[in-house]
Amino acid sequence: GSEVEAYNRSCLSGEINPSLLQLKYLQHLDLSINNFQGIQIPDFIGSLGELKYLNLSRAS
């Protein structure tokens, strides 16, 4: 089966942790409406080979 990870509206802040790379089968990542304090989205997000959906809308 497929797994879904969703953290939208979770009030996450700070950097996106590279431990996400351990989620080898991650297909859906919703980080919308979170405060990343102007930190750039890290390049490793592109290494999530199974990722089909990434939502960063209204994330700051």
C-alpha atoms as a PDB file:
ATOM      1  CA  GLY A   1       0.000   0.000   0.000  1.00  0.00           C
ATOM      2  CA  SER A   2       0.947   3.622  -0.274  1.00  0.00           C
ATOM      3  CA  GLU A   3       1.708   5.866   2.647  1.00  0.00           C
ATOM      4  CA  VAL A   4       0.847   9.536   2.965  1.00  0.00           C
ATOM      5  CA  GLU A   5       2.743  12.037   5.062  1.00  0.00           C
ATOM      6  CA  ALA A   6       0.949  15.346   5.574  1.00  0.00           C
ATOM      7  CA  TYR A   7       2.121  18.156   7.792  1.00  0.00           C
ATOM      8  CA  ASN A   8       0.047  21.014   6.458  1.00  0.00           C
ATOM      9  CA  ARG A   9      -1.104  23.622   8.948  1.00  0.00           C
ATOM     10  CA  SER A  10       1.127  22.007  11.555  1.00  0.00           C
ATOM     11  CA  CYS A  11       2.863  25.225  12.536  1.00  0.00           C
ATOM     12  CA  LEU A  12       6.217  23.674  11.707  1.00  0.00           C
ATOM     13  CA  SER A  13       9.079  26.114  11.707  1.00  0.00           C
ATOM     14  CA  GLY A  14      12.797  26.168  11.019  1.00  0.00           C
ATOM     15  CA  GLU A  15      14.701  23.959   8.619  1.00  0.00           C
ATOM     16  CA  ILE A  16      13.348  20.920   6.816  1.00  0.00           C
ATOM     17  CA  ASN A  17      15.139  17.970   8.369  1.00  0.00           C
ATOM     18  CA  PRO A  18      17.182  15.738   6.045  1.00  0.00           C
ATOM     19  CA  SER A  19      15.831  12.718   7.940  1.00  0.00           C
ATOM     20  CA  LEU A  20      13.006  12.883   5.367  1.00  0.00           C
ATOM     21  CA  LEU A  21      15.441  11.041   3.085  1.00  0.00           C
ATOM     22  CA  GLN A  22      14.888   7.961   5.236  1.00  0.00           C
ATOM     23  CA  LEU A  23      11.276   7.870   4.012  1.00  0.00           C
ATOM     24  CA  LYS A  24      12.223   6.049   0.814  1.00  0.00           C
ATOM     25  CA  TYR A  25       8.646   5.483  -0.317  1.00  0.00           C
ATOM     26  CA  LEU A  26       7.299   8.949   0.492  1.00  0.00           C
ATOM     27  CA  GLN A  27       4.931   9.968  -2.302  1.00  0.00           C
ATOM     28  CA  HIS A  28       2.939  12.884  -0.868  1.00  0.00           C
ATOM     29  CA  LEU A  29       4.410  15.722   1.183  1.00  0.00           C
ATOM     30  CA  ASP A  30       2.216  18.653   2.165  1.00  0.00           C
ATOM     31  CA  LEU A  31       4.141  21.396   3.949  1.00  0.00           C
ATOM     32  CA  SER A  32       1.673  24.163   3.163  1.00  0.00           C
ATOM     33  CA  ILE A  33       0.845  26.891   5.660  1.00  0.00           C
ATOM     34  CA  ASN A  34       4.003  26.380   7.711  1.00  0.00           C
ATOM     35  CA  ASN A  35       6.605  28.924   8.755  1.00  0.00           C
ATOM     36  CA  PHE A  36      10.090  28.030   7.587  1.00  0.00           C
ATOM     37  CA  GLN A  37      11.379  31.491   8.550  1.00  0.00           C
ATOM     38  CA  GLY A  38      12.577  32.336   5.046  1.00  0.00           C
ATOM     39  CA  ILE A  39      14.866  29.283   4.860  1.00  0.00           C
ATOM     40  CA  GLN A  40      15.277  27.922   1.329  1.00  0.00           C
ATOM     41  CA  ILE A  41      13.806  24.562   0.436  1.00  0.00           C
ATOM     42  CA  PRO A  42      16.802  22.203   0.595  1.00  0.00           C
ATOM     43  CA  ASP A  43      18.142  20.511  -2.530  1.00  0.00           C
ATOM     44  CA  PHE A  44      17.710  17.065  -0.981  1.00  0.00           C
ATOM     45  CA  ILE A  45      13.951  17.337  -1.573  1.00  0.00           C
ATOM     46  CA  GLY A  46      14.826  16.565  -5.208  1.00  0.00           C
ATOM     47  CA  SER A  47      16.373  13.277  -4.059  1.00  0.00           C
ATOM     48  CA  LEU A  48      13.051  11.901  -2.831  1.00  0.00           C
ATOM     49  CA  GLY A  49      12.725   9.521  -5.761  1.00  0.00           C
ATOM     50  CA  GLU A  50       9.133   8.403  -5.147  1.00  0.00           C
ATOM     51  CA  LEU A  51       7.759  11.880  -4.368  1.00  0.00           C
ATOM     52  CA  LYS A  52       4.873  12.668  -6.697  1.00  0.00           C
ATOM     53  CA  TYR A  53       3.208  15.565  -4.848  1.00  0.00           C
ATOM     54  CA  LEU A  54       4.811  18.439  -2.952  1.00  0.00           C
ATOM     55  CA  ASN A  55       2.681  21.309  -1.655  1.00  0.00           C
ATOM     56  CA  LEU A  56       4.447  24.398  -0.338  1.00  0.00           C
ATOM     57  CA  SER A  57       1.586  26.831  -0.863  1.00  0.00           C
ATOM     58  CA  ARG A  58       1.363  29.638   1.670  1.00  0.00           C
ATOM     59  CA  ALA A  59       4.524  28.427   3.386  1.00  0.00           C
ATOM     60  CA  SER A  60       6.794  31.261   4.409  1.00  0.00           C
END
